[in-house]
C-alpha atoms as a PDB file:
ATOM      1  CA  MET A   1     237.004 156.609  29.899  1.00  0.00           C
ATOM      2  CA  ALA A   2     239.868 155.238  31.954  1.00  0.00           C
ATOM      3  CA  ASN A   3     242.935 157.332  32.697  1.00  0.00           C
ATOM      4  CA  ILE A   4     245.472 155.704  30.383  1.00  0.00           C
ATOM      5  CA  GLU A   5     249.083 156.845  30.117  1.00  0.00           C
ATOM      6  CA  PRO A   6     250.295 155.511  26.773  1.00  0.00           C
ATOM      7  CA  PRO A   7     253.934 154.468  26.506  1.00  0.00           C
ATOM      8  CA  ASP A   8     256.383 156.620  24.576  1.00  0.00           C
ATOM      9  CA  ASP A   9     256.767 154.071  21.777  1.00  0.00           C
ATOM     10  CA  LEU A  10     253.071 154.343  20.915  1.00  0.00           C
ATOM     11  CA  ILE A  11     253.198 158.127  21.048  1.00  0.00           C
ATOM     12  CA  ASN A  12     256.241 158.181  18.769  1.00  0.00           C
ATOM     13  CA  LEU A  13     254.552 155.857  16.270  1.00  0.00           C
ATOM     14  CA  GLN A  14     251.518 158.154  16.198  1.00  0.00           C
ATOM     15  CA  ARG A  15     253.763 161.176  15.658  1.00  0.00           C
ATOM     16  CA  LYS A  16     255.416 159.449  12.715  1.00  0.00           C
ATOM     17  CA  ALA A  17     252.010 158.606  11.234  1.00  0.00           C
ATOM     18  CA  ALA A  18     250.870 162.215  11.667  1.00  0.00           C
ATOM     19  CA  ALA A  19     254.030 163.496   9.978  1.00  0.00           C
ATOM     20  CA  ALA A  20     253.598 161.039   7.099  1.00  0.00           C
ATOM     21  CA  TYR A  21     249.991 162.202   6.704  1.00  0.00           C
ATOM     22  CA  GLU A  22     251.060 165.842   6.553  1.00  0.00           C
ATOM     23  CA  ASP A  23     253.710 164.980   3.940  1.00  0.00           C
ATOM     24  CA  ALA A  24     251.166 163.093   1.846  1.00  0.00           C
ATOM     25  CA  MET A  25     248.674 165.963   2.018  1.00  0.00           C
ATOM     26  CA  ARG A  26     251.229 168.352   0.504  1.00  0.00           C
ATOM     27  CA  GLN A  27     251.621 166.239  -2.635  1.00  0.00           C
ATOM     28  CA  PRO A  28     249.360 165.147  -5.478  1.00  0.00           C
ATOM     29  CA  TYR A  29     247.627 161.868  -4.693  1.00  0.00           C
ATOM     30  CA  THR A  30     249.374 158.725  -5.835  1.00  0.00           C
ATOM     31  CA  ARG A  31     249.737 155.362  -4.168  1.00  0.00           C
ATOM     32  CA  GLU A  32     253.419 156.072  -3.722  1.00  0.00           C
ATOM     33  CA  THR A  33     252.912 159.373  -1.914  1.00  0.00           C
ATOM     34  CA  TRP A  34     250.363 157.872   0.471  1.00  0.00           C
ATOM     35  CA  ALA A  35     252.200 154.575   1.074  1.00  0.00           C
ATOM     36  CA  PRO A  36     254.369 155.903   3.943  1.00  0.00           C
ATOM     37  CA  TRP A  37     251.286 157.172   5.784  1.00  0.00           C
ATOM     38  CA  LEU A  38     249.406 153.921   5.239  1.00  0.00           C
ATOM     39  CA  GLU A  39     252.328 151.883   6.547  1.00  0.00           C
ATOM     40  CA  ALA A  40     252.760 154.178   9.550  1.00  0.00           C
ATOM     41  CA  ALA A  41     249.032 154.098  10.334  1.00  0.00           C
ATOM     42  CA  GLU A  42     249.009 150.301  10.139  1.00  0.00           C
ATOM     43  CA  ALA A  43     252.005 150.167  12.493  1.00  0.00           C
ATOM     44  CA  VAL A  44     250.181 152.392  14.998  1.00  0.00           C
ATOM     45  CA  GLN A  45     247.058 150.243  14.865  1.00  0.00           C
ATOM     46  CA  ALA A  46     249.020 147.017  15.328  1.00  0.00           C
ATOM     47  CA  ALA A  47     251.025 148.447  18.226  1.00  0.00           C
ATOM     48  CA  VAL A  48     247.935 149.853  19.952  1.00  0.00           C
ATOM     49  CA  THR A  49     246.154 146.514  19.612  1.00  0.00           C
ATOM     50  CA  ALA A  50     249.157 144.586  20.951  1.00  0.00           C
ATOM     51  CA  HIS A  51     249.559 146.983  23.888  1.00  0.00           C
ATOM     52  CA  ALA A  52     245.868 146.821  24.769  1.00  0.00           C
ATOM     53  CA  GLU A  53     245.874 143.032  24.679  1.00  0.00           C
ATOM     54  CA  ALA A  54     249.081 142.786  26.722  1.00  0.00           C
ATOM     55  CA  THR A  55     247.825 145.167  29.413  1.00  0.00           C
ATOM     56  CA  GLY A  56     244.163 144.160  29.432  1.00  0.00           C
ATOM     57  CA  GLN A  57     243.090 147.671  28.498  1.00  0.00           C
ATOM     58  CA  ASN A  58     240.339 148.723  26.135  1.00  0.00           C
ATOM     59  CA  ARG A  59     241.858 149.068  22.661  1.00  0.00           C
ATOM     60  CA  TYR A  60     239.772 152.105  21.735  1.00  0.00           C
ATOM     61  CA  GLU A  61     240.685 153.890  24.954  1.00  0.00           C
ATOM     62  CA  VAL A  62     244.380 153.201  24.387  1.00  0.00           C
ATOM     63  CA  GLU A  63     244.144 154.615  20.857  1.00  0.00           C
ATOM     64  CA  MET A  64     242.322 157.730  22.048  1.00  0.00           C
ATOM     65  CA  ALA A  65     244.898 158.249  24.830  1.00  0.00           C
ATOM     66  CA  VAL A  66     247.734 158.006  22.302  1.00  0.00           C
ATOM     67  CA  LYS A  67     246.083 160.522  19.980  1.00  0.00           C
ATOM     68  CA  ALA A  68     245.303 162.864  22.885  1.00  0.00           C
ATOM     69  CA  ALA A  69     248.920 162.718  24.086  1.00  0.00           C
ATOM     70  CA  VAL A  70     250.156 163.686  20.620  1.00  0.00           C
ATOM     71  CA  ARG A  71     247.595 166.484  20.308  1.00  0.00           C
ATOM     72  CA  GLN A  72     248.509 167.766  23.760  1.00  0.00           C
ATOM     73  CA  ASP A  73     252.107 168.090  22.590  1.00  0.00           C
ATOM     74  CA  GLY A  74     250.878 169.985  19.517  1.00  0.00           C
ATOM     75  CA  ASP A  75     252.208 167.383  17.117  1.00  0.00           C
ATOM     76  CA  GLU A  76     248.989 166.327  15.434  1.00  0.00           C
END
């Protein structure tokens, strides 16, 4: 896998998605409680795809680099 340094905006989006997931997990399941996570996850996926296309990088590798950066910070 290539050494990819994801930009801060992608890392911050992933952090927000992780936080929304944690919030959703603490509540009973309803569409409303999971909607913020779904929206955040969709935003991450769209941003990762756009970044990969704009930079000519492998989309999967960009996504994994973003997730690794968040894990490394202890936020996911």
